[in-house]
């Protein structure tokens, strides 16, 4: 094992060695030492990002993209359903795809007749 840290649970005296990989530790390693304990990170200051084919975010530069499209372009020129299609399928829909997608979403959004009473 290369670099690592050793963590001791003061309640039980149990210790675990956690490897440091690419400058960080795998959060899942904590589970074997601290079952049932969760970690609160309200501002996500200690949460690492991940590579994503869907979202790109660079807060320092004020950039937010979905599937390569700047959020400003999506917010100004597309509907919610068009963006949902983009996120799910990886491309903005053409007219035929949008009509089909809209029908599919509408059918899934119907409220069962027993809930109308």
Protein backbone atom coordinates (compact mmCIF):
# COMPACT_ATOMS: atom_id res chain seq x y z
CA UNK A 1 0.00 0.00 0.00
CA UNK A 2 1.27 3.48 -0.84
CA UNK A 3 0.27 6.46 1.25
CA UNK A 4 -2.50 5.93 3.77
CA UNK A 5 -4.07 7.26 6.93
CA UNK A 6 -5.08 5.30 10.00
CA UNK A 7 -8.33 6.22 11.71
CA UNK A 8 -9.26 5.02 15.20
CA UNK A 9 -12.82 4.96 16.53
CA UNK A 10 -12.38 6.21 20.11
CA UNK A 11 -15.64 4.55 21.14
CA UNK A 12 -14.44 1.05 20.29
CA UNK A 13 -10.68 1.34 19.86
CA UNK A 14 -11.04 -0.21 16.39
CA UNK A 15 -8.69 1.17 13.73
CA UNK A 16 -8.74 1.08 9.97
CA UNK A 17 -6.08 1.98 7.43
CA UNK A 18 -7.43 3.87 4.45
CA UNK A 19 -5.31 4.29 1.30
CA UNK A 20 -4.85 7.75 -0.20
CA UNK A 21 -5.45 7.56 -3.93
CA UNK A 22 -5.11 10.49 -6.35
CA UNK A 23 -4.94 12.90 -3.41
CA UNK A 24 -8.09 11.67 -1.69
CA UNK A 25 -9.71 8.78 0.12
CA UNK A 26 -12.65 6.64 -0.94
CA UNK A 27 -15.55 7.68 1.30
CA UNK A 28 -16.90 4.11 1.22
CA UNK A 29 -13.91 3.02 3.34
CA UNK A 30 -15.42 4.76 6.36
CA UNK A 31 -18.42 2.42 6.32
CA UNK A 32 -16.51 -0.55 7.72
CA UNK A 33 -15.30 1.50 10.69
CA UNK A 34 -18.36 3.66 11.24
CA UNK A 35 -21.47 1.72 10.22
CA UNK A 36 -24.61 3.77 10.62
CA UNK A 37 -22.72 7.07 10.79
CA UNK A 38 -23.29 9.61 8.02
CA UNK A 39 -21.27 12.71 7.23
CA UNK A 40 -22.83 16.16 7.01
CA UNK A 41 -21.25 18.45 4.41
CA UNK A 42 -23.88 21.20 3.98
CA UNK A 43 -21.80 23.40 1.67
CA UNK A 44 -20.16 20.49 -0.15
CA UNK A 45 -16.76 21.91 0.78
CA UNK A 46 -15.38 18.45 1.54
CA UNK A 47 -17.18 16.63 -1.25
CA UNK A 48 -15.18 15.86 -4.35
CA UNK A 49 -16.59 16.29 -7.78
CA UNK A 50 -16.83 13.63 -10.42
CA UNK A 51 -16.43 13.55 -14.16
CA UNK A 52 -19.80 13.68 -15.85
CA UNK A 53 -20.96 13.38 -19.43
CA UNK A 54 -24.10 15.31 -18.46
CA UNK A 55 -23.03 18.32 -16.41
CA UNK A 56 -19.97 20.56 -16.49
CA UNK A 57 -19.58 23.16 -13.75
CA UNK A 58 -16.78 25.66 -13.21
CA UNK A 59 -18.01 27.96 -10.46
CA UNK A 60 -14.89 30.13 -10.60
CA UNK A 61 -15.57 30.97 -14.24
CA UNK A 62 -19.35 30.99 -13.88
CA UNK A 63 -19.80 28.11 -16.34
CA UNK A 64 -22.63 25.58 -16.26
CA UNK A 65 -23.24 23.29 -19.21
CA UNK A 66 -25.55 20.37 -19.83
CA UNK A 67 -24.36 17.95 -22.51
CA UNK A 68 -22.10 20.72 -23.81
CA UNK A 69 -24.78 23.40 -24.09
CA UNK A 70 -24.32 26.57 -21.98
CA UNK A 71 -27.14 26.99 -19.47
CA UNK A 72 -27.83 30.48 -20.87
CA UNK A 73 -28.62 28.98 -24.27
CA UNK A 74 -30.86 26.31 -22.80
CA UNK A 75 -32.69 28.71 -20.48
CA UNK A 76 -33.33 31.21 -23.25
CA UNK A 77 -34.23 29.00 -26.18
CA UNK A 78 -35.54 25.63 -25.01
CA UNK A 79 -38.45 24.24 -23.02
CA UNK A 80 -38.24 22.14 -19.89
CA UNK A 81 -39.13 19.01 -21.88
CA UNK A 82 -36.44 19.73 -24.47
CA UNK A 83 -33.81 20.02 -21.72
CA UNK A 84 -35.12 16.87 -20.03
CA UNK A 85 -34.77 15.04 -23.37
CA UNK A 86 -31.23 16.40 -23.73
CA UNK A 87 -30.24 15.17 -20.28
CA UNK A 88 -31.82 11.73 -20.68
CA UNK A 89 -30.94 10.99 -24.31
CA UNK A 90 -27.86 13.16 -24.89
CA UNK A 91 -29.28 15.34 -27.65
CA UNK A 92 -31.89 18.03 -28.11
CA UNK A 93 -35.01 16.58 -29.73
CA UNK A 94 -36.21 17.37 -33.22
CA UNK A 95 -39.94 18.11 -33.71
CA UNK A 96 -40.95 14.45 -34.08
CA UNK A 97 -38.88 13.39 -31.06
CA UNK A 98 -40.27 16.26 -28.97
CA UNK A 99 -43.87 15.36 -29.84
CA UNK A 100 -43.26 11.71 -28.94
CA UNK A 101 -41.42 12.66 -25.72
CA UNK A 102 -44.21 15.08 -24.73
CA UNK A 103 -46.83 12.37 -25.26
CA UNK A 104 -44.80 9.89 -23.22
CA UNK A 105 -44.36 12.33 -20.33
CA UNK A 106 -48.05 13.32 -20.44
CA UNK A 107 -49.13 9.69 -20.27
CA UNK A 108 -46.89 9.09 -17.26
CA UNK A 109 -48.17 12.23 -15.53
CA UNK A 110 -51.85 11.32 -15.65
CA UNK A 111 -53.57 11.01 -12.31
CA UNK A 112 -55.46 7.76 -11.77
CA UNK A 113 -59.24 8.22 -11.70
CA UNK A 114 -59.45 6.98 -8.08
CA UNK A 115 -57.51 10.06 -6.97
CA UNK A 116 -60.01 12.50 -8.49
CA UNK A 117 -62.68 11.71 -5.91
